[in-house]
Amino acid sequence: MGEKPKNQGEGDRESAKRYNEKTKEYVESGKVEDAARKAGEGDVEEMAKAEKAGEKRAKELDPSVERDYSKPTR
């Protein structure tokens, strides 16, 4: 019989190694800038609507966003 795969739990080194290798290959392929540009080409209204929907479900506000705290948020 074949060898049973070993469950490594949360600190899965093999998966981390595979992920790091594939990420490095992708970055070195030169496709990152093109993918980032395509991601930013979406419908502005649709993206704003999706962001608002995500904010409604958030447990807390994003601390990196500048806010006018004199106005209510909801």
PDB file of N, CA and C in Angstrom:
ATOM      1  N   MET A   1       0.826  -1.188   0.000  1.00  0.00           N
ATOM      2  CA  MET A   1       0.000   0.000   0.000  1.00  0.00           C
ATOM      3  C   MET A   1       0.868   1.249   0.000  1.00  0.00           C
ATOM      4  N   GLY A   2       0.289   2.349  -0.528  1.00  0.00           N
ATOM      5  CA  GLY A   2       1.022   3.610  -0.595  1.00  0.00           C
ATOM      6  C   GLY A   2       1.132   4.279   0.762  1.00  0.00           C
ATOM      7  N   GLU A   3       2.054   5.185   0.838  1.00  0.00           N
ATOM      8  CA  GLU A   3       2.267   5.914   2.082  1.00  0.00           C
ATOM      9  C   GLU A   3       1.155   6.946   2.268  1.00  0.00           C
ATOM     10  N   LYS A   4       0.590   6.982   3.453  1.00  0.00           N
ATOM     11  CA  LYS A   4      -0.494   7.915   3.766  1.00  0.00           C
ATOM     12  C   LYS A   4       0.093   9.317   3.942  1.00  0.00           C
ATOM     13  N   PRO A   5      -0.519  10.356   3.328  1.00  0.00           N
ATOM     14  CA  PRO A   5       0.010  11.719   3.489  1.00  0.00           C
ATOM     15  C   PRO A   5      -0.043  12.152   4.955  1.00  0.00           C
ATOM     16  N   LYS A   6       0.975  12.856   5.377  1.00  0.00           N
ATOM     17  CA  LYS A   6       1.065  13.290   6.764  1.00  0.00           C
ATOM     18  C   LYS A   6       0.362  14.639   6.920  1.00  0.00           C
ATOM     19  N   ASN A   7      -0.558  14.709   7.875  1.00  0.00           N
ATOM     20  CA  ASN A   7      -1.234  15.963   8.174  1.00  0.00           C
ATOM     21  C   ASN A   7      -0.324  16.792   9.061  1.00  0.00           C
ATOM     22  N   GLN A   8       0.081  17.956   8.573  1.00  0.00           N
ATOM     23  CA  GLN A   8       1.022  18.787   9.321  1.00  0.00           C
ATOM     24  C   GLN A   8       0.337  19.843  10.182  1.00  0.00           C
ATOM     25  N   GLY A   9      -0.962  19.985  10.081  1.00  0.00           N
ATOM     26  CA  GLY A   9      -1.660  20.982  10.888  1.00  0.00           C
ATOM     27  C   GLY A   9      -1.410  22.397  10.400  1.00  0.00           C
ATOM     28  N   GLU A  10      -1.486  23.347  11.324  1.00  0.00           N
ATOM     29  CA  GLU A  10      -1.397  24.758  10.949  1.00  0.00           C
ATOM     30  C   GLU A  10      -0.040  25.182  10.419  1.00  0.00           C
ATOM     31  N   GLY A  11       1.018  24.597  10.860  1.00  0.00           N
ATOM     32  CA  GLY A  11       2.342  24.998  10.411  1.00  0.00           C
ATOM     33  C   GLY A  11       2.833  24.160   9.248  1.00  0.00           C
ATOM     34  N   ASP A  12       1.997  23.979   8.240  1.00  0.00           N
ATOM     35  CA  ASP A  12       2.284  23.097   7.110  1.00  0.00           C
ATOM     36  C   ASP A  12       3.431  23.659   6.272  1.00  0.00           C
ATOM     37  N   ARG A  13       4.631  23.157   6.492  1.00  0.00           N
ATOM     38  CA  ARG A  13       5.828  23.661   5.808  1.00  0.00           C
ATOM     39  C   ARG A  13       5.819  23.360   4.312  1.00  0.00           C
ATOM     40  N   GLU A  14       5.313  22.192   3.944  1.00  0.00           N
ATOM     41  CA  GLU A  14       5.297  21.818   2.527  1.00  0.00           C
ATOM     42  C   GLU A  14       4.408  22.757   1.718  1.00  0.00           C
ATOM     43  N   SER A  15       3.219  23.060   2.235  1.00  0.00           N
ATOM     44  CA  SER A  15       2.315  23.973   1.537  1.00  0.00           C
ATOM     45  C   SER A  15       2.899  25.377   1.487  1.00  0.00           C
ATOM     46  N   ALA A  16       3.513  25.822   2.574  1.00  0.00           N
ATOM     47  CA  ALA A  16       4.125  27.146   2.609  1.00  0.00           C
ATOM     48  C   ALA A  16       5.250  27.239   1.577  1.00  0.00           C
ATOM     49  N   LYS A  17       6.037  26.189   1.476  1.00  0.00           N
ATOM     50  CA  LYS A  17       7.145  26.169   0.509  1.00  0.00           C
ATOM     51  C   LYS A  17       6.602  26.240  -0.917  1.00  0.00           C
ATOM     52  N   ARG A  18       5.555  25.433  -1.205  1.00  0.00           N
ATOM     53  CA  ARG A  18       4.934  25.445  -2.532  1.00  0.00           C
ATOM     54  C   ARG A  18       4.367  26.823  -2.857  1.00  0.00           C
ATOM     55  N   TYR A  19       3.672  27.418  -1.892  1.00  0.00           N
ATOM     56  CA  TYR A  19       3.092  28.746  -2.093  1.00  0.00           C
ATOM     57  C   TYR A  19       4.186  29.770  -2.380  1.00  0.00           C
ATOM     58  N   ASN A  20       5.240  29.767  -1.583  1.00  0.00           N
ATOM     59  CA  ASN A  20       6.329  30.722  -1.774  1.00  0.00           C
ATOM     60  C   ASN A  20       6.996  30.561  -3.135  1.00  0.00           C
ATOM     61  N   GLU A  21       7.194  29.324  -3.563  1.00  0.00           N
ATOM     62  CA  GLU A  21       7.813  29.078  -4.865  1.00  0.00           C
ATOM     63  C   GLU A  21       6.927  29.590  -6.002  1.00  0.00           C
ATOM     64  N   LYS A  22       5.624  29.273  -5.939  1.00  0.00           N
ATOM     65  CA  LYS A  22       4.701  29.703  -7.002  1.00  0.00           C
ATOM     66  C   LYS A  22       4.557  31.223  -7.020  1.00  0.00           C
ATOM     67  N   THR A  23       4.540  31.847  -5.845  1.00  0.00           N
ATOM     68  CA  THR A  23       4.438  33.303  -5.770  1.00  0.00           C
ATOM     69  C   THR A  23       5.672  33.946  -6.377  1.00  0.00           C
ATOM     70  N   LYS A  24       6.841  33.407  -6.062  1.00  0.00           N
ATOM     71  CA  LYS A  24       8.085  33.941  -6.618  1.00  0.00           C
ATOM     72  C   LYS A  24       8.097  33.804  -8.142  1.00  0.00           C
ATOM     73  N   GLU A  25       7.654  32.657  -8.644  1.00  0.00           N
ATOM     74  CA  GLU A  25       7.584  32.445 -10.100  1.00  0.00           C
ATOM     75  C   GLU A  25       6.665  33.471 -10.750  1.00  0.00           C
ATOM     76  N   TYR A  26       5.514  33.709 -10.127  1.00  0.00           N
ATOM     77  CA  TYR A  26       4.543  34.652 -10.688  1.00  0.00           C
ATOM     78  C   TYR A  26       5.106  36.067 -10.718  1.00  0.00           C
ATOM     79  N   VAL A  27       5.730  36.485  -9.635  1.00  0.00           N
ATOM     80  CA  VAL A  27       6.301  37.830  -9.570  1.00  0.00           C
ATOM     81  C   VAL A  27       7.400  37.983 -10.615  1.00  0.00           C
ATOM     82  N   GLU A  28       8.242  36.968 -10.747  1.00  0.00           N
ATOM     83  CA  GLU A  28       9.337  37.038 -11.708  1.00  0.00           C
ATOM     84  C   GLU A  28       8.853  36.954 -13.158  1.00  0.00           C
ATOM     85  N   SER A  29       7.629  36.472 -13.383  1.00  0.00           N
ATOM     86  CA  SER A  29       7.102  36.350 -14.746  1.00  0.00           C
ATOM     87  C   SER A  29       6.749  37.708 -15.349  1.00  0.00           C
ATOM     88  N   GLY A  30       6.620  38.737 -14.499  1.00  0.00           N
ATOM     89  CA  GLY A  30       6.295  40.071 -14.997  1.00  0.00           C
ATOM     90  C   GLY A  30       4.813  40.304 -15.204  1.00  0.00           C
ATOM     91  N   LYS A  31       3.968  39.435 -14.718  1.00  0.00           N
ATOM     92  CA  LYS A  31       2.525  39.559 -14.929  1.00  0.00           C
ATOM     93  C   LYS A  31       1.823  40.372 -13.836  1.00  0.00           C
ATOM     94  N   VAL A  32       2.533  40.752 -12.797  1.00  0.00           N
ATOM     95  CA  VAL A  32       1.907  41.411 -11.648  1.00  0.00           C
ATOM     96  C   VAL A  32       1.326  42.774 -12.028  1.00  0.00           C
ATOM     97  N   GLU A  33       2.094  43.603 -12.706  1.00  0.00           N
ATOM     98  CA  GLU A  33       1.610  44.947 -13.058  1.00  0.00           C
ATOM     99  C   GLU A  33       0.375  44.879 -13.943  1.00  0.00           C
ATOM    100  N   ASP A  34       0.368  43.965 -14.910  1.00  0.00           N
ATOM    101  CA  ASP A  34      -0.780  43.812 -15.794  1.00  0.00           C
ATOM    102  C   ASP A  34      -2.017  43.373 -15.004  1.00  0.00           C
ATOM    103  N   ALA A  35      -1.840  42.430 -14.091  1.00  0.00           N
ATOM    104  CA  ALA A  35      -2.957  41.956 -13.278  1.00  0.00           C
ATOM    105  C   ALA A  35      -3.483  43.065 -12.372  1.00  0.00           C
ATOM    106  N   ALA A  36      -2.595  43.866 -11.810  1.00  0.00           N
ATOM    107  CA  ALA A  36      -3.008  44.980 -10.953  1.00  0.00           C
ATOM    108  C   ALA A  36      -3.764  46.026 -11.759  1.00  0.00           C
ATOM    109  N   ARG A  37      -3.308  46.288 -12.955  1.00  0.00           N
ATOM    110  CA  ARG A  37      -3.978  47.262 -13.822  1.00  0.00           C
ATOM    111  C   ARG A  37      -5.384  46.776 -14.181  1.00  0.00           C
ATOM    112  N   LYS A  38      -5.505  45.496 -14.530  1.00  0.00           N
ATOM    113  CA  LYS A  38      -6.812  44.929 -14.871  1.00  0.00           C
ATOM    114  C   LYS A  38      -7.758  44.954 -13.673  1.00  0.00           C
ATOM    115  N   ALA A  39      -7.221  44.721 -12.483  1.00  0.00           N
ATOM    116  CA  ALA A  39      -8.052  44.723 -11.278  1.00  0.00           C
ATOM    117  C   ALA A  39      -8.622  46.110 -11.003  1.00  0.00           C
ATOM    118  N   GLY A  40      -7.894  47.141 -11.375  1.00  0.00           N
ATOM    119  CA  GLY A  40      -8.342  48.513 -11.152  1.00  0.00           C
ATOM    120  C   GLY A  40      -9.250  49.052 -12.224  1.00  0.00           C
ATOM    121  N   GLU A  41      -9.522  48.275 -13.259  1.00  0.00           N
ATOM    122  CA  GLU A  41     -10.346  48.740 -14.379  1.00  0.00           C
ATOM    123  C   GLU A  41     -11.842  48.472 -14.195  1.00  0.00           C
ATOM    124  N   GLY A  42     -12.242  47.980 -13.044  1.00  0.00           N
ATOM    125  CA  GLY A  42     -13.644  47.635 -12.827  1.00  0.00           C
ATOM    126  C   GLY A  42     -14.537  48.860 -12.776  1.00  0.00           C
ATOM    127  N   ASP A  43     -15.835  48.617 -12.748  1.00  0.00           N
ATOM    128  CA  ASP A  43     -16.837  49.672 -12.669  1.00  0.00           C
ATOM    129  C   ASP A  43     -16.724  50.345 -11.304  1.00  0.00           C
ATOM    130  N   VAL A  44     -16.514  51.652 -11.300  1.00  0.00           N
ATOM    131  CA  VAL A  44     -16.284  52.401 -10.064  1.00  0.00           C
ATOM    132  C   VAL A  44     -17.490  52.293  -9.129  1.00  0.00           C
ATOM    133  N   GLU A  45     -18.696  52.429  -9.685  1.00  0.00           N
ATOM    134  CA  GLU A  45     -19.906  52.346  -8.857  1.00  0.00           C
ATOM    135  C   GLU A  45     -20.068  50.955  -8.250  1.00  0.00           C
ATOM    136  N   GLU A  46     -19.770  49.932  -9.034  1.00  0.00           N
ATOM    137  CA  GLU A  46     -19.894  48.556  -8.548  1.00  0.00           C
ATOM    138  C   GLU A  46     -18.884  48.286  -7.428  1.00  0.00           C
ATOM    139  N   MET A  47     -17.665  48.800  -7.591  1.00  0.00           N
ATOM    140  CA  MET A  47     -16.652  48.609  -6.554  1.00  0.00           C
ATOM    141  C   MET A  47     -17.025  49.346  -5.270  1.00  0.00           C
ATOM    142  N   ALA A  48     -17.577  50.557  -5.392  1.00  0.00           N
ATOM    143  CA  ALA A  48     -17.994  51.323  -4.215  1.00  0.00           C
ATOM    144  C   ALA A  48     -19.132  50.607  -3.491  1.00  0.00           C
ATOM    145  N   LYS A  49     -20.064  50.047  -4.262  1.00  0.00           N
ATOM    146  CA  LYS A  49     -21.185  49.305  -3.678  1.00  0.00           C
ATOM    147  C   LYS A  49     -20.674  48.069  -2.920  1.00  0.00           C
ATOM    148  N   ALA A  50     -19.721  47.359  -3.507  1.00  0.00           N
ATOM    149  CA  ALA A  50     -19.150  46.174  -2.867  1.00  0.00           C
ATOM    150  C   ALA A  50     -18.398  46.559  -1.596  1.00  0.00           C
ATOM    151  N   GLU A  51     -17.699  47.687  -1.620  1.00  0.00           N
ATOM    152  CA  GLU A  51     -16.973  48.126  -0.435  1.00  0.00           C
ATOM    153  C   GLU A  51     -17.936  48.469   0.696  1.00  0.00           C
ATOM    154  N   LYS A  52     -19.036  49.157   0.369  1.00  0.00           N
ATOM    155  CA  LYS A  52     -20.049  49.494   1.381  1.00  0.00           C
ATOM    156  C   LYS A  52     -20.647  48.229   1.981  1.00  0.00           C
ATOM    157  N   ALA A  53     -20.915  47.223   1.147  1.00  0.00           N
ATOM    158  CA  ALA A  53     -21.475  45.959   1.639  1.00  0.00           C
ATOM    159  C   ALA A  53     -20.502  45.287   2.600  1.00  0.00           C
ATOM    160  N   GLY A  54     -19.220  45.329   2.287  1.00  0.00           N
ATOM    161  CA  GLY A  54     -18.215  44.750   3.169  1.00  0.00           C
ATOM    162  C   GLY A  54     -18.100  45.507   4.482  1.00  0.00           C
ATOM    163  N   GLU A  55     -18.217  46.838   4.425  1.00  0.00           N
ATOM    164  CA  GLU A  55     -18.144  47.644   5.637  1.00  0.00           C
ATOM    165  C   GLU A  55     -19.306  47.345   6.572  1.00  0.00           C
ATOM    166  N   LYS A  56     -20.469  47.044   6.017  1.00  0.00           N
ATOM    167  CA  LYS A  56     -21.642  46.743   6.849  1.00  0.00           C
ATOM    168  C   LYS A  56     -21.403  45.496   7.695  1.00  0.00           C
ATOM    169  N   ARG A  57     -20.682  44.528   7.149  1.00  0.00           N
ATOM    170  CA  ARG A  57     -20.432  43.273   7.858  1.00  0.00           C
ATOM    171  C   ARG A  57     -19.221  43.347   8.788  1.00  0.00           C
ATOM    172  N   ALA A  58     -18.418  44.392   8.643  1.00  0.00           N
ATOM    173  CA  ALA A  58     -17.182  44.492   9.429  1.00  0.00           C
ATOM    174  C   ALA A  58     -17.478  44.709  10.905  1.00  0.00           C
ATOM    175  N   LYS A  59     -16.664  44.132  11.749  1.00  0.00           N
ATOM    176  CA  LYS A  59     -16.832  44.293  13.193  1.00  0.00           C
ATOM    177  C   LYS A  59     -16.374  45.672  13.656  1.00  0.00           C
ATOM    178  N   GLU A  60     -15.395  46.232  12.950  1.00  0.00           N
ATOM    179  CA  GLU A  60     -14.893  47.547  13.328  1.00  0.00           C
ATOM    180  C   GLU A  60     -14.440  48.299  12.082  1.00  0.00           C
ATOM    181  N   LEU A  61     -14.237  49.605  12.235  1.00  0.00           N
ATOM    182  CA  LEU A  61     -13.825  50.430  11.105  1.00  0.00           C
ATOM    183  C   LEU A  61     -12.345  50.225  10.802  1.00  0.00           C
ATOM    184  N   ASP A  62     -11.984  50.405   9.548  1.00  0.00           N
ATOM    185  CA  ASP A  62     -10.590  50.288   9.123  1.00  0.00           C
ATOM    186  C   ASP A  62      -9.814  51.495   9.657  1.00  0.00           C
ATOM    187  N   PRO A  63      -8.820  51.278  10.501  1.00  0.00           N
ATOM    188  CA  PRO A  63      -8.086  52.405  11.097  1.00  0.00           C
ATOM    189  C   PRO A  63      -7.244  53.190  10.098  1.00  0.00           C
ATOM    190  N   SER A  64      -7.002  52.653   8.906  1.00  0.00           N
ATOM    191  CA  SER A  64      -6.163  53.360   7.937  1.00  0.00           C
ATOM    192  C   SER A  64      -6.951  54.365   7.102  1.00  0.00           C
ATOM    193  N   VAL A  65      -8.270  54.397   7.255  1.00  0.00           N
ATOM    194  CA  VAL A  65      -9.109  55.302   6.472  1.00  0.00           C
ATOM    195  C   VAL A  65      -9.326  56.598   7.249  1.00  0.00           C
ATOM    196  N   GLU A  66      -9.116  57.732   6.577  1.00  0.00           N
ATOM    197  CA  GLU A  66      -9.343  59.039   7.200  1.00  0.00           C
ATOM    198  C   GLU A  66     -10.849  59.260   7.335  1.00  0.00           C
ATOM    199  N   ARG A  67     -11.293  59.705   8.518  1.00  0.00           N
ATOM    200  CA  ARG A  67     -12.714  59.914   8.760  1.00  0.00           C
ATOM    201  C   ARG A  67     -12.970  61.258   9.421  1.00  0.00           C
ATOM    202  N   ASP A  68     -14.177  61.764   9.185  1.00  0.00           N
ATOM    203  CA  ASP A  68     -14.648  62.950   9.879  1.00  0.00           C
ATOM    204  C   ASP A  68     -15.496  62.441  11.040  1.00  0.00           C
ATOM    205  N   TYR A  69     -14.920  62.407  12.236  1.00  0.00           N
ATOM    206  CA  TYR A  69     -15.598  61.830  13.383  1.00  0.00           C
ATOM    207  C   TYR A  69     -16.714  62.725  13.931  1.00  0.00           C
ATOM    208  N   SER A  70     -16.902  63.919  13.361  1.00  0.00           N
ATOM    209  CA  SER A  70     -18.006  64.755  13.790  1.00  0.00           C
ATOM    210  C   SER A  70     -19.318  64.340  13.134  1.00  0.00           C
ATOM    211  N   LYS A  71     -19.240  63.455  12.124  1.00  0.00           N
ATOM    212  CA  LYS A  71     -20.430  62.961  11.426  1.00  0.00           C
ATOM    213  C   LYS A  71     -20.646  61.487  11.773  1.00  0.00           C
ATOM    214  N   PRO A  72     -21.917  61.061  11.911  1.00  0.00           N
ATOM    215  CA  PRO A  72     -22.185  59.645  12.175  1.00  0.00           C
ATOM    216  C   PRO A  72     -21.791  58.784  10.988  1.00  0.00           C
ATOM    217  N   THR A  73     -21.393  57.533  11.253  1.00  0.00           N
ATOM    218  CA  THR A  73     -20.973  56.650  10.169  1.00  0.00           C
ATOM    219  C   THR A  73     -22.124  55.869   9.579  1.00  0.00           C
ATOM    220  N   ARG A  74     -23.194  55.693  10.322  1.00  0.00           N
ATOM    221  CA  ARG A  74     -24.344  54.930   9.811  1.00  0.00           C
ATOM    222  C   ARG A  74     -25.628  55.594  10.125  1.00  0.00           C
TER     223      ARG A  74
END
